[in-house]
Amino acid sequence: MLPYLHAPELKIGPFTPHVFGALVVIAVVTGKVMVERRAQKRGFPRNVASGLLIWMMASGFLCAHLTKALLDGTPLANPLLLFRVWDGLYSFGGIAGGILGILCFAARYRLSRRLVWRFLDVVAYAFPFAWIFGRMGCSLVHDHPGIPTTSWLGVRYPVGPRFDLGLLELLFTVLVAGAFHALDRRKRPDGFYLGLLLLLYGPFRLLLDGLHVEKQSGLPFSPDGCFSLAAALFGMAVIRYAAREPAQWQTSDRLPFTSPP
C-alpha cells in the first residue's frame, strides 16, 4: 500500500508558498509552452496561437470555478465565493469552458471551422502533459479521498487506508501522455487527439466516480457520471468524424489566416 505523503510548507520571509499552487502554475506554463510550439508547427502564427490560448485559459478557469461552486451549492450561502476563482475547480467545467473560449475567439476574429478544429486537437495533445502537474498537486494535498480499500493502489490515510482519487488520475494521465507521445510519431488527422482524449477520459472518470466517498442517492448517475458519459460519446463521434476525411486535413501544415489585431 502506498504511503501518505505530505508536502512540507516552505517559508520564504513573510510568504508561505503552497505546493498545490506551485504545481498549478507549472501545469499552466507547461501547457502554454507546448500548445504554442505545437500550434506554430501546425501553421498558426504566434499572435493567433497566443490569443486563442489566453481566451481558452481565462474561460476554462472561470467555468471550472463556477461549475464547482454551483455543484457545491455555495453561491446560495455566500454569493461572494463566485468571485474567488482560485477557490475550487471542476475539471469537466474547465474543459467545457476552454472549448467555449476557443469558439468565442474564433467567432470574434472569424476563424474558419477548420482552424478551430486543428487548434482543439493541438490543445488536446498538450493537455495530459500539463494535467500531470495539476493532479500531482492533488495527490500531495490529498483533497480527493476515496472509499476505504485494501488494494495496493490504496494510500495509508491517517484515518485508515483508502483510495486517493487524485493519485489514481495522476497515474492514468501519465499513461495517456505516454500513449500520445508514442502515437505522435506518425501523422494523425486533426481531431484524432481530441477524440481519443475524451474517449479515454470519460470512461475513466466514470470508473472513478464509483470510488467517491460521497455519492448522491436516488440518482442513476452523479454529475461526474453524466459528464463522463457525454465526454465518451462525444469523443467517439469526434474520432469517427476525423477519420472520414484525413487527406483533406493532412495535405498541408501551413494554413491561410486573417490574423487578429
C-alpha atoms as a PDB file:
ATOM      1  CA  MET A   1       0.000   0.000   0.000  1.00  0.00           C
ATOM      2  CA  LEU A   2       1.230   3.487  -0.848  1.00  0.00           C
ATOM      3  CA  PRO A   3       2.426   5.861   1.878  1.00  0.00           C
ATOM      4  CA  TYR A   4       0.592   9.056   2.808  1.00  0.00           C
ATOM      5  CA  LEU A   5       2.971  11.724   1.534  1.00  0.00           C
ATOM      6  CA  HIS A   6       2.514  15.260   2.759  1.00  0.00           C
ATOM      7  CA  ALA A   7       4.410  18.096   1.100  1.00  0.00           C
ATOM      8  CA  PRO A   8       6.102  20.332   3.689  1.00  0.00           C
ATOM      9  CA  GLU A   9       5.455  24.078   3.637  1.00  0.00           C
ATOM     10  CA  LEU A  10       8.333  26.277   2.570  1.00  0.00           C
ATOM     11  CA  LYS A  11       8.522  29.674   4.258  1.00  0.00           C
ATOM     12  CA  ILE A  12      10.206  32.469   2.306  1.00  0.00           C
ATOM     13  CA  GLY A  13      10.187  35.532   4.539  1.00  0.00           C
ATOM     14  CA  PRO A  14       6.563  36.546   5.146  1.00  0.00           C
ATOM     15  CA  PHE A  15       5.342  34.257   2.350  1.00  0.00           C
ATOM     16  CA  THR A  16       4.415  30.580   2.587  1.00  0.00           C
ATOM     17  CA  PRO A  17       4.004  29.232  -0.965  1.00  0.00           C
ATOM     18  CA  HIS A  18       1.902  26.077  -1.155  1.00  0.00           C
ATOM     19  CA  VAL A  19       2.913  23.101  -3.261  1.00  0.00           C
ATOM     20  CA  PHE A  20      -0.521  22.828  -4.896  1.00  0.00           C
ATOM     21  CA  GLY A  21      -0.420  26.409  -6.165  1.00  0.00           C
ATOM     22  CA  ALA A  22       3.157  25.976  -7.396  1.00  0.00           C
ATOM     23  CA  LEU A  23       2.248  22.828  -9.326  1.00  0.00           C
ATOM     24  CA  VAL A  24      -0.801  24.518 -10.865  1.00  0.00           C
ATOM     25  CA  VAL A  25       1.482  27.295 -12.116  1.00  0.00           C
ATOM     26  CA  ILE A  26       3.869  24.685 -13.549  1.00  0.00           C
ATOM     27  CA  ALA A  27       0.911  22.979 -15.238  1.00  0.00           C
ATOM     28  CA  VAL A  28      -0.237  26.239 -16.812  1.00  0.00           C
ATOM     29  CA  VAL A  29       3.260  27.121 -18.043  1.00  0.00           C
ATOM     30  CA  THR A  30       3.817  23.611 -19.411  1.00  0.00           C
ATOM     31  CA  GLY A  31       0.525  23.681 -21.273  1.00  0.00           C
ATOM     32  CA  LYS A  32       1.176  27.163 -22.642  1.00  0.00           C
ATOM     33  CA  VAL A  33       4.632  26.298 -23.974  1.00  0.00           C
ATOM     34  CA  MET A  34       3.502  23.016 -25.524  1.00  0.00           C
ATOM     35  CA  VAL A  35       0.402  24.488 -27.154  1.00  0.00           C
ATOM     36  CA  GLU A  36       2.241  27.497 -28.608  1.00  0.00           C
ATOM     37  CA  ARG A  37       5.078  25.386 -30.009  1.00  0.00           C
ATOM     38  CA  ARG A  38       2.806  22.758 -31.482  1.00  0.00           C
ATOM     39  CA  ALA A  39       0.391  25.359 -32.851  1.00  0.00           C
ATOM     40  CA  GLN A  40       3.192  27.165 -34.681  1.00  0.00           C
ATOM     41  CA  LYS A  41       4.371  23.878 -36.183  1.00  0.00           C
ATOM     42  CA  ARG A  42       0.833  23.280 -37.402  1.00  0.00           C
ATOM     43  CA  GLY A  43       0.710  26.644 -39.173  1.00  0.00           C
ATOM     44  CA  PHE A  44      -0.655  29.059 -36.544  1.00  0.00           C
ATOM     45  CA  PRO A  45       1.038  32.486 -36.327  1.00  0.00           C
ATOM     46  CA  ARG A  46       2.275  33.296 -32.817  1.00  0.00           C
ATOM     47  CA  ASN A  47      -0.298  36.047 -32.189  1.00  0.00           C
ATOM     48  CA  VAL A  48      -3.195  33.789 -33.202  1.00  0.00           C
ATOM     49  CA  ALA A  49      -1.944  30.916 -31.045  1.00  0.00           C
ATOM     50  CA  SER A  50      -1.377  33.240 -28.073  1.00  0.00           C
ATOM     51  CA  GLY A  51      -4.799  34.846 -28.440  1.00  0.00           C
ATOM     52  CA  LEU A  52      -6.580  31.510 -28.623  1.00  0.00           C
ATOM     53  CA  LEU A  53      -4.639  30.277 -25.609  1.00  0.00           C
ATOM     54  CA  ILE A  54      -5.457  33.331 -23.478  1.00  0.00           C
ATOM     55  CA  TRP A  55      -9.178  33.125 -24.237  1.00  0.00           C
ATOM     56  CA  MET A  56      -9.179  29.376 -23.647  1.00  0.00           C
ATOM     57  CA  MET A  57      -7.414  29.562 -20.275  1.00  0.00           C
ATOM     58  CA  ALA A  58      -9.439  32.520 -18.987  1.00  0.00           C
ATOM     59  CA  SER A  59     -12.741  30.911 -19.922  1.00  0.00           C
ATOM     60  CA  GLY A  60     -11.581  27.495 -18.713  1.00  0.00           C
ATOM     61  CA  PHE A  61     -10.589  28.643 -15.229  1.00  0.00           C
ATOM     62  CA  LEU A  62     -13.735  30.756 -14.857  1.00  0.00           C
ATOM     63  CA  CYS A  63     -16.093  27.954 -15.919  1.00  0.00           C
ATOM     64  CA  ALA A  64     -14.201  25.406 -13.802  1.00  0.00           C
ATOM     65  CA  HIS A  65     -14.760  27.561 -10.723  1.00  0.00           C
ATOM     66  CA  LEU A  66     -18.374  28.458 -11.489  1.00  0.00           C
ATOM     67  CA  THR A  67     -19.280  24.827 -12.146  1.00  0.00           C
ATOM     68  CA  LYS A  68     -17.647  23.707  -8.910  1.00  0.00           C
ATOM     69  CA  ALA A  69     -19.426  26.428  -6.927  1.00  0.00           C
ATOM     70  CA  LEU A  70     -22.823  25.613  -8.453  1.00  0.00           C
ATOM     71  CA  LEU A  71     -22.427  21.873  -7.875  1.00  0.00           C
ATOM     72  CA  ASP A  72     -21.479  22.505  -4.238  1.00  0.00           C
ATOM     73  CA  GLY A  73     -24.336  24.960  -3.762  1.00  0.00           C
ATOM     74  CA  THR A  74     -22.015  27.570  -2.231  1.00  0.00           C
ATOM     75  CA  PRO A  75     -23.458  30.618  -4.114  1.00  0.00           C
ATOM     76  CA  LEU A  76     -26.668  30.267  -2.108  1.00  0.00           C
ATOM     77  CA  ALA A  77     -24.784  30.508   1.185  1.00  0.00           C
ATOM     78  CA  ASN A  78     -22.196  33.074   0.115  1.00  0.00           C
ATOM     79  CA  PRO A  79     -22.535  34.647  -3.381  1.00  0.00           C
ATOM     80  CA  LEU A  80     -19.138  36.339  -2.988  1.00  0.00           C
ATOM     81  CA  LEU A  81     -17.479  32.928  -3.398  1.00  0.00           C
ATOM     82  CA  LEU A  82     -18.304  33.133  -7.109  1.00  0.00           C
ATOM     83  CA  PHE A  83     -15.629  35.810  -7.439  1.00  0.00           C
ATOM     84  CA  ARG A  84     -12.930  33.711  -5.732  1.00  0.00           C
ATOM     85  CA  VAL A  85     -11.915  31.939  -8.950  1.00  0.00           C
ATOM     86  CA  TRP A  86      -8.936  30.305  -7.237  1.00  0.00           C
ATOM     87  CA  ASP A  87     -11.120  28.569  -4.655  1.00  0.00           C
ATOM     88  CA  GLY A  88     -12.412  25.267  -6.068  1.00  0.00           C
ATOM     89  CA  LEU A  89     -12.182  23.980  -9.651  1.00  0.00           C
ATOM     90  CA  TYR A  90     -14.127  21.307 -11.517  1.00  0.00           C
ATOM     91  CA  SER A  91     -12.242  19.608 -14.341  1.00  0.00           C
ATOM     92  CA  PHE A  92     -15.199  18.982 -16.670  1.00  0.00           C
ATOM     93  CA  GLY A  93     -16.270  22.597 -16.241  1.00  0.00           C
ATOM     94  CA  GLY A  94     -12.756  23.686 -17.169  1.00  0.00           C
ATOM     95  CA  ILE A  95     -12.746  21.509 -20.301  1.00  0.00           C
ATOM     96  CA  ALA A  96     -16.122  22.853 -21.438  1.00  0.00           C
ATOM     97  CA  GLY A  97     -15.078  26.419 -20.595  1.00  0.00           C
ATOM     98  CA  GLY A  98     -11.814  26.086 -22.510  1.00  0.00           C
ATOM     99  CA  ILE A  99     -13.653  24.906 -25.621  1.00  0.00           C
ATOM    100  CA  LEU A 100     -16.151  27.755 -25.197  1.00  0.00           C
ATOM    101  CA  GLY A 101     -13.303  30.274 -25.010  1.00  0.00           C
ATOM    102  CA  ILE A 102     -11.792  28.956 -28.242  1.00  0.00           C
ATOM    103  CA  LEU A 103     -15.157  29.146 -30.010  1.00  0.00           C
ATOM    104  CA  CYS A 104     -15.711  32.721 -28.790  1.00  0.00           C
ATOM    105  CA  PHE A 105     -12.258  33.769 -30.041  1.00  0.00           C
ATOM    106  CA  ALA A 106     -12.947  32.095 -33.375  1.00  0.00           C
ATOM    107  CA  ALA A 107     -16.269  33.901 -33.730  1.00  0.00           C
ATOM    108  CA  ARG A 108     -14.726  37.239 -32.719  1.00  0.00           C
ATOM    109  CA  TYR A 109     -11.928  37.018 -35.306  1.00  0.00           C
ATOM    110  CA  ARG A 110     -13.802  34.924 -37.868  1.00  0.00           C
ATOM    111  CA  LEU A 111     -11.506  31.937 -37.894  1.00  0.00           C
ATOM    112  CA  SER A 112     -12.642  29.075 -40.069  1.00  0.00           C
ATOM    113  CA  ARG A 113     -14.046  25.842 -38.673  1.00  0.00           C
ATOM    114  CA  ARG A 114     -11.003  24.011 -39.964  1.00  0.00           C
ATOM    115  CA  LEU A 115      -8.651  26.211 -37.953  1.00  0.00           C
ATOM    116  CA  VAL A 116     -10.710  25.819 -34.793  1.00  0.00           C
ATOM    117  CA  TRP A 117     -10.749  22.057 -35.279  1.00  0.00           C
ATOM    118  CA  ARG A 118      -6.972  21.984 -35.682  1.00  0.00           C
ATOM    119  CA  PHE A 119      -6.329  24.134 -32.605  1.00  0.00           C
ATOM    120  CA  LEU A 120      -8.627  21.984 -30.447  1.00  0.00           C
ATOM    121  CA  ASP A 121      -6.546  18.989 -31.458  1.00  0.00           C
ATOM    122  CA  VAL A 122      -3.331  20.843 -30.557  1.00  0.00           C
ATOM    123  CA  VAL A 123      -4.722  21.615 -27.095  1.00  0.00           C
ATOM    124  CA  ALA A 124      -5.945  18.042 -26.609  1.00  0.00           C
ATOM    125  CA  TYR A 125      -2.467  16.679 -27.330  1.00  0.00           C
ATOM    126  CA  ALA A 126      -0.804  19.013 -24.799  1.00  0.00           C
ATOM    127  CA  PHE A 127      -3.484  18.621 -22.117  1.00  0.00           C
ATOM    128  CA  PRO A 128      -2.326  15.375 -20.431  1.00  0.00           C
ATOM    129  CA  PHE A 129       1.286  16.583 -20.205  1.00  0.00           C
ATOM    130  CA  ALA A 130       0.175  19.691 -18.296  1.00  0.00           C
ATOM    131  CA  TRP A 131      -2.520  17.832 -16.333  1.00  0.00           C
ATOM    132  CA  ILE A 132       0.165  15.617 -14.801  1.00  0.00           C
ATOM    133  CA  PHE A 133       1.354  18.514 -12.654  1.00  0.00           C
ATOM    134  CA  GLY A 134      -2.172  19.543 -11.669  1.00  0.00           C
ATOM    135  CA  ARG A 135      -3.061  16.059 -10.443  1.00  0.00           C
ATOM    136  CA  MET A 136       0.352  15.746  -8.804  1.00  0.00           C
ATOM    137  CA  GLY A 137      -0.688  18.673  -6.615  1.00  0.00           C
ATOM    138  CA  CYS A 138      -3.983  16.933  -5.775  1.00  0.00           C
ATOM    139  CA  SER A 139      -2.151  13.752  -4.807  1.00  0.00           C
ATOM    140  CA  LEU A 140       0.161  15.669  -2.460  1.00  0.00           C
ATOM    141  CA  VAL A 141      -2.584  17.598  -0.675  1.00  0.00           C
ATOM    142  CA  HIS A 142      -4.938  14.592  -0.710  1.00  0.00           C
ATOM    143  CA  ASP A 143      -8.040  16.672  -1.438  1.00  0.00           C
ATOM    144  CA  HIS A 144      -9.874  13.858  -3.264  1.00  0.00           C
ATOM    145  CA  PRO A 145     -10.175  10.966  -0.785  1.00  0.00           C
ATOM    146  CA  GLY A 146     -11.963   7.856  -1.997  1.00  0.00           C
ATOM    147  CA  ILE A 147     -13.608   4.864  -0.375  1.00  0.00           C
ATOM    148  CA  PRO A 148     -11.671   2.612   2.038  1.00  0.00           C
ATOM    149  CA  THR A 149      -9.661  -0.157   0.368  1.00  0.00           C
ATOM    150  CA  THR A 150      -7.038  -2.837   0.943  1.00  0.00           C
ATOM    151  CA  SER A 151      -5.765  -2.554  -2.651  1.00  0.00           C
ATOM    152  CA  TRP A 152      -2.076  -1.958  -3.322  1.00  0.00           C
ATOM    153  CA  LEU A 153      -3.211   1.269  -5.003  1.00  0.00           C
ATOM    154  CA  GLY A 154      -4.641   2.477  -1.705  1.00  0.00           C
ATOM    155  CA  VAL A 155      -2.989   5.184   0.381  1.00  0.00           C
ATOM    156  CA  ARG A 156      -2.434   4.967   4.137  1.00  0.00           C
ATOM    157  CA  TYR A 157      -4.505   7.990   5.186  1.00  0.00           C
ATOM    158  CA  PRO A 158      -4.344   8.923   8.893  1.00  0.00           C
ATOM    159  CA  VAL A 159      -7.974   7.785   9.233  1.00  0.00           C
ATOM    160  CA  GLY A 160      -7.257   4.464   7.509  1.00  0.00           C
ATOM    161  CA  PRO A 161      -6.304   3.126   4.075  1.00  0.00           C
ATOM    162  CA  ARG A 162      -8.412   4.390   1.194  1.00  0.00           C
ATOM    163  CA  PHE A 163      -8.118   5.354  -2.466  1.00  0.00           C
ATOM    164  CA  ASP A 164      -6.635   8.743  -3.334  1.00  0.00           C
ATOM    165  CA  LEU A 165      -8.571   9.754  -6.448  1.00  0.00           C
ATOM    166  CA  GLY A 166      -6.096  12.496  -7.325  1.00  0.00           C
ATOM    167  CA  LEU A 167      -3.272   9.949  -7.310  1.00  0.00           C
ATOM    168  CA  LEU A 168      -5.254   7.490  -9.438  1.00  0.00           C
ATOM    169  CA  GLU A 169      -5.909  10.198 -12.016  1.00  0.00           C
ATOM    170  CA  LEU A 170      -2.242  11.177 -11.938  1.00  0.00           C
ATOM    171  CA  LEU A 171      -1.241   7.602 -12.815  1.00  0.00           C
ATOM    172  CA  PHE A 172      -3.882   7.475 -15.561  1.00  0.00           C
ATOM    173  CA  THR A 173      -2.717  10.803 -17.009  1.00  0.00           C
ATOM    174  CA  VAL A 174       0.904   9.647 -17.138  1.00  0.00           C
ATOM    175  CA  LEU A 175      -0.209   6.639 -19.205  1.00  0.00           C
ATOM    176  CA  VAL A 176      -2.244   8.852 -21.559  1.00  0.00           C
ATOM    177  CA  ALA A 177       0.669  11.266 -22.040  1.00  0.00           C
ATOM    178  CA  GLY A 178       2.978   8.337 -22.825  1.00  0.00           C
ATOM    179  CA  ALA A 179       0.494   6.942 -25.336  1.00  0.00           C
ATOM    180  CA  PHE A 180       0.106  10.347 -27.029  1.00  0.00           C
ATOM    181  CA  HIS A 181       3.876  10.709 -27.306  1.00  0.00           C
ATOM    182  CA  ALA A 182       4.159   7.280 -28.927  1.00  0.00           C
ATOM    183  CA  LEU A 183       1.237   7.884 -31.305  1.00  0.00           C
ATOM    184  CA  ASP A 184       2.674  11.239 -32.387  1.00  0.00           C
ATOM    185  CA  ARG A 185       5.492   9.512 -34.256  1.00  0.00           C
ATOM    186  CA  ARG A 186       3.062   9.236 -37.151  1.00  0.00           C
ATOM    187  CA  LYS A 187       0.955  11.957 -38.633  1.00  0.00           C
ATOM    188  CA  ARG A 188      -2.648  11.919 -37.427  1.00  0.00           C
ATOM    189  CA  PRO A 189      -5.748  13.661 -38.790  1.00  0.00           C
ATOM    190  CA  ASP A 190      -6.939  16.768 -36.993  1.00  0.00           C
ATOM    191  CA  GLY A 191      -9.367  15.780 -34.270  1.00  0.00           C
ATOM    192  CA  PHE A 192      -7.645  12.472 -33.513  1.00  0.00           C
ATOM    193  CA  TYR A 193      -6.169  13.517 -30.154  1.00  0.00           C
ATOM    194  CA  LEU A 194      -9.285  15.422 -29.116  1.00  0.00           C
ATOM    195  CA  GLY A 195     -11.484  12.412 -29.746  1.00  0.00           C
ATOM    196  CA  LEU A 196      -9.058   9.958 -28.144  1.00  0.00           C
ATOM    197  CA  LEU A 197      -8.628  12.119 -25.034  1.00  0.00           C
ATOM    198  CA  LEU A 198     -12.368  12.351 -24.436  1.00  0.00           C
ATOM    199  CA  LEU A 199     -12.904   8.691 -25.253  1.00  0.00           C
ATOM    200  CA  LEU A 200     -10.296   7.655 -22.671  1.00  0.00           C
ATOM    201  CA  TYR A 201     -11.031  10.256 -20.007  1.00  0.00           C
ATOM    202  CA  GLY A 202     -14.806   9.788 -19.976  1.00  0.00           C
ATOM    203  CA  PRO A 203     -14.871   6.062 -19.003  1.00  0.00           C
ATOM    204  CA  PHE A 204     -12.002   6.560 -16.551  1.00  0.00           C
ATOM    205  CA  ARG A 205     -13.863   9.322 -14.719  1.00  0.00           C
ATOM    206  CA  LEU A 206     -16.990   7.164 -14.732  1.00  0.00           C
ATOM    207  CA  LEU A 207     -14.980   4.418 -13.036  1.00  0.00           C
ATOM    208  CA  LEU A 208     -13.512   6.943 -10.616  1.00  0.00           C
ATOM    209  CA  ASP A 209     -16.999   8.183  -9.778  1.00  0.00           C
ATOM    210  CA  GLY A 210     -17.753   4.838  -8.146  1.00  0.00           C
ATOM    211  CA  LEU A 211     -14.831   5.354  -5.753  1.00  0.00           C
ATOM    212  CA  HIS A 212     -16.053   8.653  -4.291  1.00  0.00           C
ATOM    213  CA  VAL A 213     -16.713   8.808  -0.571  1.00  0.00           C
ATOM    214  CA  GLU A 214     -19.854  10.886  -1.020  1.00  0.00           C
ATOM    215  CA  LYS A 215     -22.429   9.637  -3.505  1.00  0.00           C
ATOM    216  CA  GLN A 216     -25.768  11.142  -4.401  1.00  0.00           C
ATOM    217  CA  SER A 217     -28.542   8.709  -3.596  1.00  0.00           C
ATOM    218  CA  GLY A 218     -31.618   8.376  -5.773  1.00  0.00           C
ATOM    219  CA  LEU A 219     -29.802   9.296  -8.973  1.00  0.00           C
ATOM    220  CA  PRO A 220     -28.591   6.764 -11.569  1.00  0.00           C
ATOM    221  CA  PHE A 221     -25.571   8.983 -12.253  1.00  0.00           C
ATOM    222  CA  SER A 222     -23.874  11.809 -10.423  1.00  0.00           C
ATOM    223  CA  PRO A 223     -22.852  14.984 -12.288  1.00  0.00           C
ATOM    224  CA  ASP A 224     -19.437  13.340 -12.806  1.00  0.00           C
ATOM    225  CA  GLY A 225     -21.147  10.302 -14.305  1.00  0.00           C
ATOM    226  CA  CYS A 226     -23.247  12.388 -16.683  1.00  0.00           C
ATOM    227  CA  PHE A 227     -20.262  14.424 -17.859  1.00  0.00           C
ATOM    228  CA  SER A 228     -18.206  11.237 -18.222  1.00  0.00           C
ATOM    229  CA  LEU A 229     -20.775   9.584 -20.469  1.00  0.00           C
ATOM    230  CA  ALA A 230     -21.151  12.753 -22.535  1.00  0.00           C
ATOM    231  CA  ALA A 231     -17.356  13.022 -22.939  1.00  0.00           C
ATOM    232  CA  ALA A 232     -17.046   9.391 -24.066  1.00  0.00           C
ATOM    233  CA  LEU A 233     -19.882   9.694 -26.594  1.00  0.00           C
ATOM    234  CA  PHE A 234     -18.547  12.992 -27.937  1.00  0.00           C
ATOM    235  CA  GLY A 235     -15.033  11.551 -28.192  1.00  0.00           C
ATOM    236  CA  MET A 236     -16.349   8.584 -30.168  1.00  0.00           C
ATOM    237  CA  ALA A 237     -18.165  10.916 -32.551  1.00  0.00           C
ATOM    238  CA  VAL A 238     -15.082  13.114 -32.994  1.00  0.00           C
ATOM    239  CA  ILE A 239     -12.857  10.147 -33.885  1.00  0.00           C
ATOM    240  CA  ARG A 240     -15.369   8.911 -36.449  1.00  0.00           C
ATOM    241  CA  TYR A 241     -15.664  12.410 -37.917  1.00  0.00           C
ATOM    242  CA  ALA A 242     -11.885  12.864 -38.057  1.00  0.00           C
ATOM    243  CA  ALA A 243     -11.364   9.545 -39.801  1.00  0.00           C
ATOM    244  CA  ARG A 244     -13.676  10.392 -42.685  1.00  0.00           C
ATOM    245  CA  GLU A 245     -11.513  12.919 -44.496  1.00  0.00           C
ATOM    246  CA  PRO A 246      -7.911  12.557 -43.247  1.00  0.00           C
ATOM    247  CA  ALA A 247      -6.458  13.521 -46.625  1.00  0.00           C
ATOM    248  CA  GLN A 248      -8.058  16.973 -46.508  1.00  0.00           C
ATOM    249  CA  TRP A 249      -6.591  17.745 -43.080  1.00  0.00           C
ATOM    250  CA  GLN A 250      -3.158  16.277 -43.796  1.00  0.00           C
ATOM    251  CA  THR A 251      -2.475  17.998 -47.099  1.00  0.00           C
ATOM    252  CA  SER A 252      -0.593  20.967 -45.623  1.00  0.00           C
ATOM    253  CA  ASP A 253       0.596  22.243 -42.281  1.00  0.00           C
ATOM    254  CA  ARG A 254       0.505  25.851 -43.446  1.00  0.00           C
ATOM    255  CA  LEU A 255      -2.941  27.418 -43.471  1.00  0.00           C
ATOM    256  CA  PRO A 256      -4.163  30.869 -44.589  1.00  0.00           C
ATOM    257  CA  PHE A 257      -5.049  33.235 -41.736  1.00  0.00           C
ATOM    258  CA  THR A 258      -6.684  36.523 -41.112  1.00  0.00           C
ATOM    259  CA  SER A 259      -4.667  37.422 -38.007  1.00  0.00           C
ATOM    260  CA  PRO A 260      -6.441  39.235 -35.194  1.00  0.00           C
ATOM    261  CA  PRO A 261      -5.152  42.741 -34.386  1.00  0.00           C
END
